[in-house]
Amino acid sequence: MKSVFIIGCGYAGSRLAQKWLTRGASVAALARNRESGEKLAKLGVSPVSGDLSDIWSLRRLDLAEQLVYYLAPPPGGGTNDPWVRHFVAALGANRLPARCILVSTTGVYGDHQGAWVDEGSELRPGSDRARRRLDAERVLRTWGRVRQVPVVVLRVAGIYGPDRLPLARLQAGEPLVREQECPYTNRIHVDDLVQACVAAADYGVADNVYNVCDGTPGTMTEYFNTVAEIFGLPRPPVLTMEQARTRLTPGMLSYLSESRRLRNDKMLSELRVRLRYPDLVTGLTAVQKKAGR
């Protein structure tokens, strides 16, 4: 791909842009205001004015023959994603991309009580946040079939990496649920996520879904404890699940209400991804070494 366009060029998107730039592609991204445009320009990314909340601002987009990554999360509230609807409605038949890759979330699977989950498992979104993500998947895949645009969906686990660790929470001594009661969660290092995004452009099958995770699930408490050990911080205090229901935030409790272990076989075989960080210790150690330079 010679031309790449990114919608949602934030933490992961900016790293994805850098990766494509090193491959010799020209990279542009949607910028909703001047400040975001200036940040993109500093990365070597061409800012294109537009706001997903304003369909009229998107009607100037010409994405013909470009590789498009859609990483923007839905706005808050409701069970639908109006922004992805604005995006597909704004593109005319003569301005369609060559391929579109949607970065979604493994939250669409909901709670599977710790069972192993693959791309064919039942979807049980347990929160409106996850329902909005599933709606975005369905809208974009349907649009792709109608418009004959290859659409690939990446369902991404919890992202960690440089500047994306719970260090402040650990330093504040905020409690977590004790490990024996904590549900399974899944992770992916941001560098491996970027690798999967590029591989989806090279090898992804149209109208297919791929789990993006390191294949080594653990508990949230295990994750925090591992971060604490590698970065020389005290482990967080622990609560029983019963105590947690009255002391933890609703947001944290929503994550603790779901348990699943994700398979990544399809990503490894079809997308040919070779993970740099197949487990937390490997990934976190690399982050710590880089931070210590």
Protein backbone atom coordinates (compact mmCIF):
# COMPACT_ATOMS: atom_id res chain seq x y z
CA MET A 1 0.00 0.00 0.00
CA LYS A 2 1.34 3.41 -0.99
CA SER A 3 -1.34 5.52 0.74
CA VAL A 4 -2.60 4.93 4.28
CA PHE A 5 -5.35 6.87 6.03
CA ILE A 6 -5.92 6.58 9.79
CA ILE A 7 -9.08 7.52 11.65
CA GLY A 8 -8.27 7.66 15.34
CA CYS A 9 -4.54 8.38 15.31
CA GLY A 10 -3.96 8.24 19.07
CA TYR A 11 -1.81 5.95 21.21
CA ALA A 12 -1.81 2.94 18.88
CA GLY A 13 -2.65 4.86 15.72
CA SER A 14 0.40 7.12 15.94
CA ARG A 15 2.66 4.09 16.27
CA LEU A 16 0.90 2.46 13.34
CA ALA A 17 1.51 5.62 11.29
CA GLN A 18 5.22 5.50 12.10
CA LYS A 19 5.38 1.86 11.04
CA TRP A 20 3.84 2.60 7.65
CA LEU A 21 6.10 5.59 7.16
CA THR A 22 9.12 3.33 7.62
CA ARG A 23 7.67 1.08 4.91
CA GLY A 24 7.68 4.00 2.50
CA ALA A 25 3.94 4.73 2.49
CA SER A 26 2.42 8.19 2.57
CA VAL A 27 0.27 8.49 5.70
CA ALA A 28 -2.60 10.87 6.39
CA ALA A 29 -5.01 10.99 9.31
CA LEU A 30 -8.28 12.65 10.27
CA ALA A 31 -7.79 15.75 12.43
CA ARG A 32 -10.79 17.24 14.20
CA ASN A 33 -9.06 20.50 15.16
CA ARG A 34 -5.91 22.52 14.67
CA GLU A 35 -4.17 21.12 17.74
CA SER A 36 -4.57 17.51 16.64
CA GLY A 37 -3.46 18.50 13.15
CA GLU A 38 -0.25 20.00 14.49
CA LYS A 39 0.49 16.84 16.49
CA LEU A 40 0.02 14.72 13.38
CA ALA A 41 2.27 16.96 11.30
CA LYS A 42 5.08 16.56 13.86
CA LEU A 43 4.87 12.80 13.29
CA GLY A 44 5.22 13.24 9.55
CA VAL A 45 1.52 12.48 9.05
CA SER A 46 -0.59 14.69 6.80
CA PRO A 47 -3.61 16.03 8.72
CA VAL A 48 -6.98 16.01 6.94
CA SER A 49 -9.67 18.15 8.51
CA GLY A 50 -12.82 16.32 9.57
CA ASP A 51 -14.96 15.45 12.57
CA LEU A 52 -16.75 12.11 12.91
CA SER A 53 -19.56 13.82 14.81
CA ASP A 54 -20.22 16.09 11.81
CA ILE A 55 -21.10 14.10 8.69
CA TRP A 56 -20.83 17.18 6.48
CA SER A 57 -17.18 17.64 7.38
CA LEU A 58 -16.52 14.09 6.13
CA ARG A 59 -18.07 14.54 2.71
CA ARG A 60 -14.82 16.06 1.43
CA LEU A 61 -12.89 12.86 2.18
CA ASP A 62 -11.47 11.16 -0.87
CA LEU A 63 -10.16 7.76 0.16
CA ALA A 64 -10.08 6.20 -3.30
CA GLU A 65 -7.62 3.28 -3.44
CA GLN A 66 -6.28 4.00 0.04
CA LEU A 67 -5.79 1.62 2.94
CA VAL A 68 -7.99 2.90 5.76
CA TYR A 69 -7.62 2.08 9.44
CA TYR A 70 -10.59 2.92 11.64
CA LEU A 71 -9.43 3.04 15.29
CA ALA A 72 -11.80 5.69 16.64
CA PRO A 73 -13.94 4.48 19.57
CA PRO A 74 -17.66 5.24 19.50
CA PRO A 75 -18.96 8.22 21.48
CA GLY A 76 -20.45 7.54 24.90
CA GLY A 77 -24.09 6.63 25.40
CA GLY A 78 -26.50 4.28 23.70
CA THR A 79 -25.90 0.95 22.00
CA ASN A 80 -25.13 2.19 18.47
CA ASP A 81 -22.10 3.92 16.95
CA PRO A 82 -23.31 7.02 15.06
CA TRP A 83 -19.76 7.99 14.06
CA VAL A 84 -19.08 4.88 11.98
CA ARG A 85 -22.44 5.47 10.31
CA HIS A 86 -21.36 9.01 9.44
CA PHE A 87 -18.14 7.64 7.97
CA VAL A 88 -19.75 5.11 5.63
CA ALA A 89 -22.56 7.47 4.64
CA ALA A 90 -20.12 10.23 3.70
CA LEU A 91 -18.15 8.23 1.13
CA GLY A 92 -19.43 8.29 -2.42
CA ALA A 93 -19.12 5.35 -4.77
CA ASN A 94 -16.11 6.90 -6.53
CA ARG A 95 -14.20 7.64 -3.30
CA LEU A 96 -14.07 4.19 -1.74
CA PRO A 97 -10.91 2.83 -0.09
CA ALA A 98 -9.06 -0.21 -1.36
CA ARG A 99 -9.38 -1.87 2.06
CA CYS A 100 -10.66 -0.95 5.51
CA ILE A 101 -9.41 -2.37 8.80
CA LEU A 102 -11.52 -1.82 11.90
CA VAL A 103 -9.88 -2.02 15.31
CA SER A 104 -12.60 -3.32 17.62
CA THR A 105 -12.50 -4.89 21.07
CA THR A 106 -12.66 -8.38 22.54
CA GLY A 107 -15.29 -6.95 24.89
CA VAL A 108 -17.90 -7.95 22.28
CA TYR A 109 -17.57 -11.55 23.52
CA GLY A 110 -18.80 -10.62 26.99
CA ASP A 111 -18.59 -13.08 29.85
CA HIS A 112 -17.68 -16.70 29.07
CA GLN A 113 -16.92 -17.65 32.68
CA GLY A 114 -13.25 -18.27 32.00
CA ALA A 115 -13.75 -20.51 28.96
CA TRP A 116 -11.51 -20.31 25.92
CA VAL A 117 -12.91 -18.05 23.19
CA ASP A 118 -12.16 -17.91 19.47
CA GLU A 119 -13.59 -15.89 16.59
CA GLY A 120 -16.55 -18.25 16.23
CA SER A 121 -17.63 -18.02 19.86
CA GLU A 122 -20.98 -16.55 20.84
CA LEU A 123 -21.05 -12.77 21.17
CA ARG A 124 -22.48 -11.69 24.52
CA PRO A 125 -21.69 -8.00 25.01
CA GLY A 126 -22.53 -7.21 28.61
CA SER A 127 -22.20 -3.42 28.53
CA ASP A 128 -23.39 -0.63 26.27
CA ARG A 129 -19.73 0.16 25.62
CA ALA A 130 -19.27 -3.31 24.09
CA ARG A 131 -22.62 -3.14 22.27
CA ARG A 132 -21.51 0.07 20.56
CA ARG A 133 -18.36 -1.68 19.38
CA LEU A 134 -20.29 -4.64 18.04
CA ASP A 135 -22.63 -2.25 16.23
CA ALA A 136 -19.61 -0.62 14.56
CA GLU A 137 -18.40 -4.04 13.40
CA ARG A 138 -21.76 -4.92 11.88
CA VAL A 139 -22.22 -1.56 10.17
CA LEU A 140 -18.76 -1.59 8.60
CA ARG A 141 -18.90 -5.23 7.51
CA THR A 142 -22.31 -4.75 5.91
CA TRP A 143 -21.08 -1.62 4.13
CA GLY A 144 -18.06 -3.55 2.89
CA ARG A 145 -20.18 -6.31 1.41
CA VAL A 146 -22.54 -3.86 -0.28
CA ARG A 147 -19.79 -1.59 -1.62
CA GLN A 148 -17.38 -4.46 -2.32
CA VAL A 149 -14.72 -2.97 -0.07
CA PRO A 150 -12.65 -5.61 1.78
CA VAL A 151 -13.23 -5.07 5.50
CA VAL A 152 -11.13 -6.81 8.16
CA VAL A 153 -12.04 -6.63 11.87
CA LEU A 154 -9.41 -6.91 14.60
CA ARG A 155 -10.82 -7.66 18.05
CA VAL A 156 -8.13 -6.32 20.33
CA ALA A 157 -7.45 -7.27 23.93
CA GLY A 158 -6.24 -4.84 26.62
CA ILE A 159 -3.36 -2.78 25.25
CA TYR A 160 -0.22 -2.12 27.30
CA GLY A 161 3.16 -0.63 26.48
CA PRO A 162 5.22 2.53 27.06
CA ASP A 163 3.11 5.21 28.75
CA ARG A 164 0.24 2.73 29.00
CA LEU A 165 0.79 1.05 32.36
CA PRO A 166 -1.04 1.35 35.72
CA LEU A 167 1.96 2.91 37.48
CA ALA A 168 -0.01 5.80 39.02
CA ARG A 169 -2.61 3.40 40.37
CA LEU A 170 0.09 1.24 41.92
CA GLN A 171 1.84 4.25 43.44
CA ALA A 172 -1.47 5.36 44.96
CA GLY A 173 -1.96 1.94 46.54
CA GLU A 174 -5.42 1.42 45.08
CA PRO A 175 -6.80 -2.05 45.87
CA LEU A 176 -7.72 -4.92 43.56
CA VAL A 177 -9.64 -8.16 43.93
CA ARG A 178 -7.58 -11.02 45.32
CA GLU A 179 -6.22 -13.24 42.60
CA GLN A 180 -8.20 -16.38 43.41
CA GLU A 181 -11.44 -14.47 42.79
CA CYS A 182 -10.24 -12.32 39.90
CA PRO A 183 -11.54 -13.17 36.40
CA TYR A 184 -9.37 -13.89 33.37
CA THR A 185 -8.29 -10.97 31.17
CA ASN A 186 -6.23 -10.78 27.99
CA ARG A 187 -3.45 -8.43 26.83
CA ILE A 188 -1.44 -7.33 23.82
CA HIS A 189 1.71 -5.18 23.69
CA VAL A 190 1.17 -2.11 21.51
CA ASP A 191 4.06 -3.07 19.22
CA ASP A 192 2.44 -6.45 18.54
CA LEU A 193 -0.88 -4.72 17.92
CA VAL A 194 0.80 -2.54 15.30
CA GLN A 195 2.35 -5.64 13.78
CA ALA A 196 -1.10 -7.26 13.55
CA CYS A 197 -2.58 -4.13 11.95
CA VAL A 198 0.05 -4.19 9.21
CA ALA A 199 -0.39 -7.94 8.75
CA ALA A 200 -4.15 -7.43 8.35
CA ALA A 201 -3.41 -5.24 5.34
CA ASP A 202 -1.01 -7.79 3.87
CA TYR A 203 -2.85 -11.05 4.61
CA GLY A 204 -6.27 -10.37 6.16
CA VAL A 205 -9.23 -12.08 4.48
CA ALA A 206 -12.12 -9.78 3.58
CA ASP A 207 -15.11 -9.86 5.94
CA ASN A 208 -13.13 -11.85 8.49
CA VAL A 209 -12.50 -11.28 12.20
CA TYR A 210 -9.23 -11.86 14.08
CA ASN A 211 -8.53 -11.89 17.80
CA VAL A 212 -5.45 -9.81 18.62
CA CYS A 213 -3.92 -10.89 21.92
CA ASP A 214 -0.72 -12.51 23.17
CA GLY A 215 -2.43 -15.85 23.82
CA THR A 216 -1.33 -15.87 27.47
CA PRO A 217 -4.36 -14.86 29.53
CA GLY A 218 -4.09 -14.06 33.22
CA THR A 219 -5.97 -12.13 35.85
CA MET A 220 -6.03 -8.38 36.28
CA THR A 221 -4.43 -8.78 39.70
CA GLU A 222 -1.64 -10.86 38.18
CA TYR A 223 -1.09 -8.10 35.63
CA PHE A 224 -0.81 -5.38 38.31
CA ASN A 225 1.46 -7.57 40.45
CA THR A 226 3.76 -8.25 37.49
CA VAL A 227 3.96 -4.54 36.67
CA ALA A 228 4.75 -3.80 40.33
CA GLU A 229 7.54 -6.38 40.48
CA ILE A 230 9.23 -5.28 37.24
CA PHE A 231 9.02 -1.57 38.04
CA GLY A 232 10.00 -1.92 41.71
CA LEU A 233 6.67 -0.85 43.18
CA PRO A 234 4.67 -2.38 46.03
CA ARG A 235 1.95 -4.82 45.13
CA PRO A 236 -1.56 -3.41 45.47
CA PRO A 237 -3.64 -4.34 48.52
CA VAL A 238 -6.34 -6.90 47.79
CA LEU A 239 -10.03 -7.19 48.59
CA THR A 240 -12.53 -9.98 48.44
CA MET A 241 -15.01 -9.68 45.60
CA GLU A 242 -17.70 -8.83 48.13
CA GLN A 243 -15.60 -5.96 49.51
CA ALA A 244 -14.75 -4.80 45.98
CA ARG A 245 -18.42 -4.27 45.11
CA THR A 246 -18.59 -1.42 47.60
CA ARG A 247 -15.09 0.03 47.17
CA LEU A 248 -14.11 -0.16 43.50
CA THR A 249 -15.34 2.19 40.77
CA PRO A 250 -18.20 1.08 38.49
CA GLY A 251 -15.77 1.11 35.57
CA MET A 252 -13.37 -1.29 37.27
CA LEU A 253 -16.22 -3.51 38.43
CA SER A 254 -17.53 -3.77 34.87
CA TYR A 255 -14.22 -5.31 33.80
CA LEU A 256 -14.31 -7.70 36.74
CA SER A 257 -17.77 -8.94 35.74
CA GLU A 258 -16.41 -10.74 32.65
CA SER A 259 -13.98 -13.65 32.34
CA ARG A 260 -12.66 -15.22 29.14
CA ARG A 261 -9.44 -16.65 27.73
CA LEU A 262 -8.77 -15.66 24.13
CA ARG A 263 -7.28 -17.84 21.45
CA ASN A 264 -5.04 -16.17 18.86
CA ASP A 265 -4.44 -19.15 16.54
CA LYS A 266 -6.16 -17.46 13.59
CA MET A 267 -4.02 -14.33 13.93
CA LEU A 268 -0.85 -16.41 14.08
CA SER A 269 -1.73 -18.65 11.14
CA GLU A 270 -3.67 -16.45 8.69
CA LEU A 271 -2.04 -13.09 9.43
CA ARG A 272 1.37 -14.74 9.95
CA VAL A 273 2.07 -12.63 13.03
CA ARG A 274 5.14 -13.60 15.04
CA LEU A 275 4.70 -12.03 18.44
CA ARG A 276 7.63 -10.12 19.89
CA TYR A 277 6.03 -10.24 23.35
CA PRO A 278 4.08 -13.49 23.84
CA ASP A 279 3.68 -12.96 27.59
CA LEU A 280 3.56 -10.15 30.12
CA VAL A 281 7.01 -10.66 31.59
CA THR A 282 8.66 -10.37 28.17
CA GLY A 283 6.63 -7.31 27.21
CA LEU A 284 6.90 -5.46 30.52
CA THR A 285 10.63 -6.15 30.81
CA ALA A 286 11.15 -4.56 27.39
CA VAL A 287 9.13 -1.50 28.45
CA GLN A 288 11.12 -1.18 31.67
CA LYS A 289 14.48 -1.44 29.88
CA LYS A 290 13.43 1.20 27.36
CA ALA A 291 12.23 3.53 30.12
CA GLY A 292 15.51 3.09 31.99
CA ARG A 293 17.72 4.21 29.11
